[in-house]
C-alpha atoms as a PDB file:
ATOM      1  CA  UNK A   1     -10.924 -18.188  -4.901  1.00  0.00           C
ATOM      2  CA  UNK A   2      -9.248 -14.624  -5.296  1.00  0.00           C
ATOM      3  CA  UNK A   3     -10.605 -11.711  -3.091  1.00  0.00           C
ATOM      4  CA  UNK A   4     -10.107  -7.954  -3.575  1.00  0.00           C
ATOM      5  CA  UNK A   5     -10.875  -6.753  -0.159  1.00  0.00           C
ATOM      6  CA  UNK A   6      -7.759  -5.232   1.644  1.00  0.00           C
ATOM      7  CA  UNK A   7      -7.498  -4.301   5.346  1.00  0.00           C
ATOM      8  CA  UNK A   8      -4.584  -2.836   7.048  1.00  0.00           C
ATOM      9  CA  UNK A   9      -4.584  -3.153  10.719  1.00  0.00           C
ATOM     10  CA  UNK A  10      -2.175  -1.371  13.261  1.00  0.00           C
ATOM     11  CA  UNK A  11      -2.596  -2.030  16.916  1.00  0.00           C
ATOM     12  CA  UNK A  12      -0.699  -0.343  20.052  1.00  0.00           C
ATOM     13  CA  UNK A  13      -0.908  -1.638  23.661  1.00  0.00           C
ATOM     14  CA  UNK A  14      -3.255   0.910  25.391  1.00  0.00           C
ATOM     15  CA  UNK A  15      -1.857   2.348  28.633  1.00  0.00           C
ATOM     16  CA  UNK A  16      -3.275   4.659  31.279  1.00  0.00           C
ATOM     17  CA  UNK A  17      -0.141   6.521  31.533  1.00  0.00           C
ATOM     18  CA  UNK A  18      -0.990   8.414  28.327  1.00  0.00           C
ATOM     19  CA  UNK A  19      -4.183  10.156  27.862  1.00  0.00           C
ATOM     20  CA  UNK A  20      -6.140   9.567  24.757  1.00  0.00           C
ATOM     21  CA  UNK A  21      -5.847  13.442  24.106  1.00  0.00           C
ATOM     22  CA  UNK A  22      -2.123  13.117  24.414  1.00  0.00           C
ATOM     23  CA  UNK A  23      -2.188  10.041  22.130  1.00  0.00           C
ATOM     24  CA  UNK A  24      -4.416  11.407  19.562  1.00  0.00           C
ATOM     25  CA  UNK A  25      -2.417  14.720  19.116  1.00  0.00           C
ATOM     26  CA  UNK A  26       0.918  12.655  18.565  1.00  0.00           C
ATOM     27  CA  UNK A  27      -0.558  10.365  15.988  1.00  0.00           C
ATOM     28  CA  UNK A  28      -2.185  13.138  14.171  1.00  0.00           C
ATOM     29  CA  UNK A  29       1.099  15.009  14.173  1.00  0.00           C
ATOM     30  CA  UNK A  30       3.235  12.046  13.080  1.00  0.00           C
ATOM     31  CA  UNK A  31       0.790  11.049  10.351  1.00  0.00           C
ATOM     32  CA  UNK A  32       0.803  14.370   8.825  1.00  0.00           C
ATOM     33  CA  UNK A  33       4.383  13.888   8.174  1.00  0.00           C
ATOM     34  CA  UNK A  34       3.688  12.032   4.696  1.00  0.00           C
ATOM     35  CA  UNK A  35       0.915  12.171   2.138  1.00  0.00           C
ATOM     36  CA  UNK A  36      -1.178   9.805   0.041  1.00  0.00           C
ATOM     37  CA  UNK A  37      -2.303   7.383   0.180  1.00  0.00           C
ATOM     38  CA  UNK A  38      -2.013   6.432   3.691  1.00  0.00           C
ATOM     39  CA  UNK A  39      -0.640   9.695   5.207  1.00  0.00           C
ATOM     40  CA  UNK A  40      -2.583  12.523   6.496  1.00  0.00           C
ATOM     41  CA  UNK A  41      -0.691  15.446   5.120  1.00  0.00           C
ATOM     42  CA  UNK A  42      -3.303  18.109   3.891  1.00  0.00           C
ATOM     43  CA  UNK A  43      -6.350  16.331   5.188  1.00  0.00           C
ATOM     44  CA  UNK A  44      -8.786  17.541   7.917  1.00  0.00           C
ATOM     45  CA  UNK A  45      -7.880  15.985  11.072  1.00  0.00           C
ATOM     46  CA  UNK A  46     -10.559  15.064  13.626  1.00  0.00           C
ATOM     47  CA  UNK A  47     -10.406  15.829  17.201  1.00  0.00           C
ATOM     48  CA  UNK A  48      -9.662  13.295  19.893  1.00  0.00           C
ATOM     49  CA  UNK A  49     -12.998  11.368  20.344  1.00  0.00           C
ATOM     50  CA  UNK A  50     -15.246  11.225  23.007  1.00  0.00           C
ATOM     51  CA  UNK A  51     -16.175   8.092  24.869  1.00  0.00           C
ATOM     52  CA  UNK A  52     -19.711   8.905  26.281  1.00  0.00           C
ATOM     53  CA  UNK A  53     -20.805   5.697  28.048  1.00  0.00           C
ATOM     54  CA  UNK A  54     -18.488   3.247  26.097  1.00  0.00           C
ATOM     55  CA  UNK A  55     -15.131   1.777  26.652  1.00  0.00           C
ATOM     56  CA  UNK A  56     -14.139   2.281  22.837  1.00  0.00           C
ATOM     57  CA  UNK A  57     -13.804   5.767  21.430  1.00  0.00           C
ATOM     58  CA  UNK A  58     -13.849   5.888  17.368  1.00  0.00           C
ATOM     59  CA  UNK A  59     -12.836   8.566  14.819  1.00  0.00           C
ATOM     60  CA  UNK A  60     -12.605   8.687  11.186  1.00  0.00           C
ATOM     61  CA  UNK A  61     -10.298  10.434   8.711  1.00  0.00           C
ATOM     62  CA  UNK A  62     -11.359  11.043   5.145  1.00  0.00           C
ATOM     63  CA  UNK A  63      -8.602  10.174   2.723  1.00  0.00           C
ATOM     64  CA  UNK A  64      -8.249  12.064  -0.551  1.00  0.00           C
ATOM     65  CA  UNK A  65      -8.414   8.979  -2.556  1.00  0.00           C
ATOM     66  CA  UNK A  66     -11.958   7.627  -3.348  1.00  0.00           C
ATOM     67  CA  UNK A  67     -12.553   4.247  -1.979  1.00  0.00           C
ATOM     68  CA  UNK A  68     -10.155   4.470   0.697  1.00  0.00           C
ATOM     69  CA  UNK A  69     -11.453   4.463   4.300  1.00  0.00           C
ATOM     70  CA  UNK A  70      -9.655   5.127   7.587  1.00  0.00           C
ATOM     71  CA  UNK A  71     -10.823   4.636  11.100  1.00  0.00           C
ATOM     72  CA  UNK A  72      -9.056   4.776  14.550  1.00  0.00           C
ATOM     73  CA  UNK A  73     -10.133   3.557  18.099  1.00  0.00           C
ATOM     74  CA  UNK A  74      -8.921   4.335  21.555  1.00  0.00           C
ATOM     75  CA  UNK A  75      -9.400   2.307  24.635  1.00  0.00           C
ATOM     76  CA  UNK A  76     -10.834   3.964  27.756  1.00  0.00           C
ATOM     77  CA  UNK A  77      -8.360   5.312  30.042  1.00  0.00           C
ATOM     78  CA  UNK A  78     -10.411   5.587  33.263  1.00  0.00           C
ATOM     79  CA  UNK A  79      -8.924   4.492  36.610  1.00  0.00           C
ATOM     80  CA  UNK A  80     -11.621   2.158  37.240  1.00  0.00           C
ATOM     81  CA  UNK A  81     -11.512   0.220  33.857  1.00  0.00           C
ATOM     82  CA  UNK A  82      -9.422  -3.131  34.317  1.00  0.00           C
ATOM     83  CA  UNK A  83      -6.621  -3.640  31.664  1.00  0.00           C
ATOM     84  CA  UNK A  84      -5.881  -7.199  30.598  1.00  0.00           C
ATOM     85  CA  UNK A  85      -2.808  -8.571  28.864  1.00  0.00           C
ATOM     86  CA  UNK A  86      -5.065  -9.236  25.728  1.00  0.00           C
ATOM     87  CA  UNK A  87      -5.194  -7.633  22.186  1.00  0.00           C
ATOM     88  CA  UNK A  88      -8.763  -6.594  23.125  1.00  0.00           C
ATOM     89  CA  UNK A  89      -7.317  -3.842  25.076  1.00  0.00           C
ATOM     90  CA  UNK A  90      -5.327  -2.458  22.230  1.00  0.00           C
ATOM     91  CA  UNK A  91      -5.651   0.906  20.536  1.00  0.00           C
ATOM     92  CA  UNK A  92      -6.021   0.332  16.626  1.00  0.00           C
ATOM     93  CA  UNK A  93      -5.906   2.060  13.346  1.00  0.00           C
ATOM     94  CA  UNK A  94      -7.390   0.548  10.170  1.00  0.00           C
ATOM     95  CA  UNK A  95      -7.540   1.225   6.648  1.00  0.00           C
ATOM     96  CA  UNK A  96      -9.764  -0.438   4.003  1.00  0.00           C
ATOM     97  CA  UNK A  97      -9.672  -0.442   0.070  1.00  0.00           C
ATOM     98  CA  UNK A  98     -10.173  -2.606  -3.001  1.00  0.00           C
ATOM     99  CA  UNK A  99      -6.924  -4.017  -4.282  1.00  0.00           C
ATOM    100  CA  UNK A 100      -8.592  -3.113  -7.775  1.00  0.00           C
ATOM    101  CA  UNK A 101      -8.553   0.466  -6.929  1.00  0.00           C
ATOM    102  CA  UNK A 102      -6.423   2.084  -9.641  1.00  0.00           C
ATOM    103  CA  UNK A 103      -5.468   4.892  -7.457  1.00  0.00           C
ATOM    104  CA  UNK A 104      -3.749   2.891  -5.026  1.00  0.00           C
ATOM    105  CA  UNK A 105      -0.604   1.037  -5.768  1.00  0.00           C
ATOM    106  CA  UNK A 106      -0.784  -2.118  -3.547  1.00  0.00           C
ATOM    107  CA  UNK A 107       2.890  -3.019  -3.809  1.00  0.00           C
ATOM    108  CA  UNK A 108       3.962   0.464  -2.929  1.00  0.00           C
ATOM    109  CA  UNK A 109       1.601   0.619   0.071  1.00  0.00           C
ATOM    110  CA  UNK A 110       3.131  -2.636   1.499  1.00  0.00           C
ATOM    111  CA  UNK A 111       6.747  -1.654   0.853  1.00  0.00           C
ATOM    112  CA  UNK A 112       6.752   1.998   1.267  1.00  0.00           C
ATOM    113  CA  UNK A 113       3.698   3.461   3.169  1.00  0.00           C
ATOM    114  CA  UNK A 114       2.545   0.805   5.486  1.00  0.00           C
ATOM    115  CA  UNK A 115       5.760   0.683   7.550  1.00  0.00           C
ATOM    116  CA  UNK A 116       5.490   4.529   7.886  1.00  0.00           C
ATOM    117  CA  UNK A 117       1.939   4.133   9.352  1.00  0.00           C
ATOM    118  CA  UNK A 118       3.248   1.665  11.794  1.00  0.00           C
ATOM    119  CA  UNK A 119       6.055   3.715  13.007  1.00  0.00           C
ATOM    120  CA  UNK A 120       3.684   6.935  13.231  1.00  0.00           C
ATOM    121  CA  UNK A 121       1.199   4.918  15.285  1.00  0.00           C
ATOM    122  CA  UNK A 122       3.807   3.176  17.422  1.00  0.00           C
ATOM    123  CA  UNK A 123       2.318  -0.216  16.679  1.00  0.00           C
ATOM    124  CA  UNK A 124       3.710  -3.384  18.408  1.00  0.00           C
ATOM    125  CA  UNK A 125       1.775  -5.595  15.796  1.00  0.00           C
ATOM    126  CA  UNK A 126       0.351  -4.867  12.499  1.00  0.00           C
ATOM    127  CA  UNK A 127      -0.937  -6.981   9.249  1.00  0.00           C
ATOM    128  CA  UNK A 128      -2.288  -6.541   5.977  1.00  0.00           C
ATOM    129  CA  UNK A 129      -5.669  -8.690   5.834  1.00  0.00           C
ATOM    130  CA  UNK A 130      -6.434 -10.235   2.361  1.00  0.00           C
ATOM    131  CA  UNK A 131     -10.268 -10.510   1.997  1.00  0.00           C
ATOM    132  CA  UNK A 132     -11.735 -13.508   3.994  1.00  0.00           C
ATOM    133  CA  UNK A 133      -8.559 -15.574   3.787  1.00  0.00           C
ATOM    134  CA  UNK A 134      -7.914 -15.412   7.510  1.00  0.00           C
ATOM    135  CA  UNK A 135     -11.169 -16.673   8.593  1.00  0.00           C
ATOM    136  CA  UNK A 136     -11.014 -19.328   6.064  1.00  0.00           C
ATOM    137  CA  UNK A 137      -7.635 -20.602   6.978  1.00  0.00           C
ATOM    138  CA  UNK A 138      -8.448 -20.624  10.578  1.00  0.00           C
ATOM    139  CA  UNK A 139     -11.528 -22.648   9.920  1.00  0.00           C
ATOM    140  CA  UNK A 140      -9.508 -25.080   7.957  1.00  0.00           C
ATOM    141  CA  UNK A 141     -11.206 -24.462   4.614  1.00  0.00           C
ATOM    142  CA  UNK A 142      -9.512 -26.390   1.711  1.00  0.00           C
ATOM    143  CA  UNK A 143     -10.732 -23.596  -1.066  1.00  0.00           C
ATOM    144  CA  UNK A 144     -11.080 -20.467   0.796  1.00  0.00           C
ATOM    145  CA  UNK A 145     -15.016 -20.704   0.980  1.00  0.00           C
ATOM    146  CA  UNK A 146     -16.440 -20.393   4.618  1.00  0.00           C
ATOM    147  CA  UNK A 147     -18.450 -23.453   5.358  1.00  0.00           C
ATOM    148  CA  UNK A 148     -21.690 -23.045   7.241  1.00  0.00           C
ATOM    149  CA  UNK A 149     -23.647 -25.994   8.850  1.00  0.00           C
ATOM    150  CA  UNK A 150     -27.553 -26.213   8.825  1.00  0.00           C
ATOM    151  CA  UNK A 151     -27.728 -24.076  12.115  1.00  0.00           C
ATOM    152  CA  UNK A 152     -26.009 -21.297  10.433  1.00  0.00           C
ATOM    153  CA  UNK A 153     -22.657 -21.691  12.181  1.00  0.00           C
ATOM    154  CA  UNK A 154     -19.169 -21.605  10.591  1.00  0.00           C
ATOM    155  CA  UNK A 155     -17.620 -25.117  10.350  1.00  0.00           C
ATOM    156  CA  UNK A 156     -14.442 -25.115  12.135  1.00  0.00           C
ATOM    157  CA  UNK A 157     -12.440 -27.880  10.763  1.00  0.00           C
ATOM    158  CA  UNK A 158      -8.725 -26.948  12.192  1.00  0.00           C
ATOM    159  CA  UNK A 159      -7.627 -29.096  14.892  1.00  0.00           C
ATOM    160  CA  UNK A 160      -4.488 -27.108  15.591  1.00  0.00           C
ATOM    161  CA  UNK A 161      -6.330 -23.887  15.611  1.00  0.00           C
ATOM    162  CA  UNK A 162      -9.343 -25.308  17.609  1.00  0.00           C
ATOM    163  CA  UNK A 163      -6.533 -26.659  20.353  1.00  0.00           C
ATOM    164  CA  UNK A 164      -5.105 -23.127  20.504  1.00  0.00           C
ATOM    165  CA  UNK A 165      -8.632 -21.734  21.211  1.00  0.00           C
ATOM    166  CA  UNK A 166      -9.125 -24.022  24.084  1.00  0.00           C
ATOM    167  CA  UNK A 167      -5.923 -22.924  25.769  1.00  0.00           C
ATOM    168  CA  UNK A 168      -7.195 -19.545  27.636  1.00  0.00           C
ATOM    169  CA  UNK A 169      -3.579 -18.513  28.165  1.00  0.00           C
ATOM    170  CA  UNK A 170      -3.137 -17.974  24.408  1.00  0.00           C
ATOM    171  CA  UNK A 171      -3.969 -14.714  22.865  1.00  0.00           C
ATOM    172  CA  UNK A 172      -4.138 -16.208  19.284  1.00  0.00           C
ATOM    173  CA  UNK A 173      -2.686 -13.685  16.634  1.00  0.00           C
ATOM    174  CA  UNK A 174      -2.646 -11.207  19.498  1.00  0.00           C
ATOM    175  CA  UNK A 175      -0.084 -10.219  22.297  1.00  0.00           C
ATOM    176  CA  UNK A 176       1.655 -13.643  22.817  1.00  0.00           C
ATOM    177  CA  UNK A 177       0.771 -15.661  19.856  1.00  0.00           C
ATOM    178  CA  UNK A 178       1.419 -15.784  15.993  1.00  0.00           C
ATOM    179  CA  UNK A 179      -0.550 -18.389  14.233  1.00  0.00           C
ATOM    180  CA  UNK A 180      -1.585 -16.775  10.852  1.00  0.00           C
ATOM    181  CA  UNK A 181       0.878 -15.201   8.738  1.00  0.00           C
ATOM    182  CA  UNK A 182      -0.209 -12.336   6.353  1.00  0.00           C
ATOM    183  CA  UNK A 183       0.993 -10.943   3.191  1.00  0.00           C
ATOM    184  CA  UNK A 184       2.724  -8.197   5.281  1.00  0.00           C
ATOM    185  CA  UNK A 185       3.021  -7.902   8.999  1.00  0.00           C
ATOM    186  CA  UNK A 186       5.010  -5.984  12.016  1.00  0.00           C
ATOM    187  CA  UNK A 187       5.952  -7.578  15.191  1.00  0.00           C
ATOM    188  CA  UNK A 188       8.041  -5.728  17.819  1.00  0.00           C
ATOM    189  CA  UNK A 189      10.780  -7.200  20.099  1.00  0.00           C
ATOM    190  CA  UNK A 190       8.227  -8.102  22.926  1.00  0.00           C
ATOM    191  CA  UNK A 191       5.877  -9.687  20.618  1.00  0.00           C
ATOM    192  CA  UNK A 192       8.578 -11.750  18.982  1.00  0.00           C
ATOM    193  CA  UNK A 193       9.916 -13.072  22.295  1.00  0.00           C
ATOM    194  CA  UNK A 194       6.449 -14.172  23.727  1.00  0.00           C
ATOM    195  CA  UNK A 195       5.387 -15.768  20.462  1.00  0.00           C
ATOM    196  CA  UNK A 196       8.423 -17.230  18.848  1.00  0.00           C
ATOM    197  CA  UNK A 197      10.804 -17.459  21.611  1.00  0.00           C
ATOM    198  CA  UNK A 198      13.444 -15.228  20.019  1.00  0.00           C
ATOM    199  CA  UNK A 199      13.946 -11.653  18.891  1.00  0.00           C
ATOM    200  CA  UNK A 200      13.421  -9.536  15.435  1.00  0.00           C
ATOM    201  CA  UNK A 201      17.178 -10.699  14.623  1.00  0.00           C
ATOM    202  CA  UNK A 202      16.216 -14.288  14.558  1.00  0.00           C
ATOM    203  CA  UNK A 203      13.348 -13.283  12.176  1.00  0.00           C
ATOM    204  CA  UNK A 204      15.776 -11.468  10.027  1.00  0.00           C
ATOM    205  CA  UNK A 205      18.273 -14.334  10.078  1.00  0.00           C
ATOM    206  CA  UNK A 206      15.515 -17.096   9.013  1.00  0.00           C
ATOM    207  CA  UNK A 207      13.770 -14.957   6.252  1.00  0.00           C
ATOM    208  CA  UNK A 208      16.693 -12.899   4.703  1.00  0.00           C
ATOM    209  CA  UNK A 209      16.731 -13.776   0.978  1.00  0.00           C
ATOM    210  CA  UNK A 210      13.571 -16.080   1.520  1.00  0.00           C
ATOM    211  CA  UNK A 211      10.793 -13.378   1.064  1.00  0.00           C
ATOM    212  CA  UNK A 212      10.142 -10.084  -0.755  1.00  0.00           C
ATOM    213  CA  UNK A 213      11.048  -7.828   2.364  1.00  0.00           C
ATOM    214  CA  UNK A 214      12.414  -8.304   5.789  1.00  0.00           C
ATOM    215  CA  UNK A 215      13.674  -5.394   7.680  1.00  0.00           C
ATOM    216  CA  UNK A 216      14.095  -3.963  11.154  1.00  0.00           C
ATOM    217  CA  UNK A 217      11.548  -1.275  12.010  1.00  0.00           C
ATOM    218  CA  UNK A 218      11.705   0.669  15.309  1.00  0.00           C
ATOM    219  CA  UNK A 219      12.530  -2.191  17.907  1.00  0.00           C
ATOM    220  CA  UNK A 220      11.037  -5.015  15.745  1.00  0.00           C
ATOM    221  CA  UNK A 221      10.749  -6.599  12.433  1.00  0.00           C
ATOM    222  CA  UNK A 222       8.647  -5.657   9.342  1.00  0.00           C
ATOM    223  CA  UNK A 223       8.282  -8.541   6.709  1.00  0.00           C
ATOM    224  CA  UNK A 224       6.507  -8.669   3.336  1.00  0.00           C
ATOM    225  CA  UNK A 225       5.879 -12.383   2.559  1.00  0.00           C
ATOM    226  CA  UNK A 226       3.842 -11.870  -0.703  1.00  0.00           C
ATOM    227  CA  UNK A 227       2.943  -8.597  -2.692  1.00  0.00           C
ATOM    228  CA  UNK A 228       0.947 -10.093  -5.397  1.00  0.00           C
ATOM    229  CA  UNK A 229      -2.118  -8.018  -5.883  1.00  0.00           C
ATOM    230  CA  UNK A 230      -3.919 -10.884  -7.062  1.00  0.00           C
ATOM    231  CA  UNK A 231      -2.954 -13.418  -4.449  1.00  0.00           C
ATOM    232  CA  UNK A 232      -5.149 -16.631  -4.413  1.00  0.00           C
ATOM    233  CA  UNK A 233      -6.333 -18.474  -1.463  1.00  0.00           C
ATOM    234  CA  UNK A 234      -4.056 -21.212  -2.499  1.00  0.00           C
ATOM    235  CA  UNK A 235      -1.049 -18.907  -2.519  1.00  0.00           C
ATOM    236  CA  UNK A 236      -1.968 -17.700   0.889  1.00  0.00           C
ATOM    237  CA  UNK A 237      -2.168 -21.399   2.563  1.00  0.00           C
ATOM    238  CA  UNK A 238       1.161 -22.098   0.654  1.00  0.00           C
ATOM    239  CA  UNK A 239       2.859 -18.984   2.082  1.00  0.00           C
ATOM    240  CA  UNK A 240       1.863 -19.986   5.602  1.00  0.00           C
ATOM    241  CA  UNK A 241       2.712 -23.678   4.976  1.00  0.00           C
ATOM    242  CA  UNK A 242       6.293 -22.744   3.658  1.00  0.00           C
ATOM    243  CA  UNK A 243       7.271 -20.008   5.974  1.00  0.00           C
ATOM    244  CA  UNK A 244       5.503 -21.019   9.366  1.00  0.00           C
ATOM    245  CA  UNK A 245       8.088 -24.122   9.775  1.00  0.00           C
ATOM    246  CA  UNK A 246      11.023 -21.458   9.202  1.00  0.00           C
ATOM    247  CA  UNK A 247       9.988 -19.540  11.791  1.00  0.00           C
ATOM    248  CA  UNK A 248       9.234 -22.513  14.065  1.00  0.00           C
ATOM    249  CA  UNK A 249       5.559 -22.006  14.251  1.00  0.00           C
ATOM    250  CA  UNK A 250       2.637 -24.412  13.951  1.00  0.00           C
END
């Protein structure tokens, strides 16, 4: 199975100390510091979004490249809204495109532009999602096909992942856990310590020379584990099976 849908996710821990207006103004200014495909230089910038009666406010940026989509979300900053130490309480920025889009160089995005966006958004974690591979891997699919039972529910045949789901203290692939490795990702120092038990330097020491790219970014570490535009699900699983033990992950 080979997928063609690429989603780039960047997350930042929302905080009341920084208003949405302040946050949005800074993000827009920093994102205009570079151009296509992911940068906002020369684009029409949206104003800070309104929450109305919701706890999430969204905005969209229209890139100049056809087929590339970009959307951002902010969490409500009101004083009565209770924050939790969970990835559900993050601000986020998301891009979507087809890996077959000839106007977008997938490898160049991973190696050159994605780190710029992470830094501009001040992310604490970020990753490249390759099609439905994440869901298939977490559900224990052997071939990348999501299995649905007679009642229309996804079959979750992954004992390790299911055990993690039962522990409410674990924010799977969130603020204190790394379960799934992606083609490219960023972890800040706090996430490294909480999820791995060691810092970005430890990630560097373990992966240097083993993967296409591993480097310090801001206070954390950015890695490219597979930059093949036609990465198969088999390759995705093999990437996780090979590198997770190196990092001490289950």
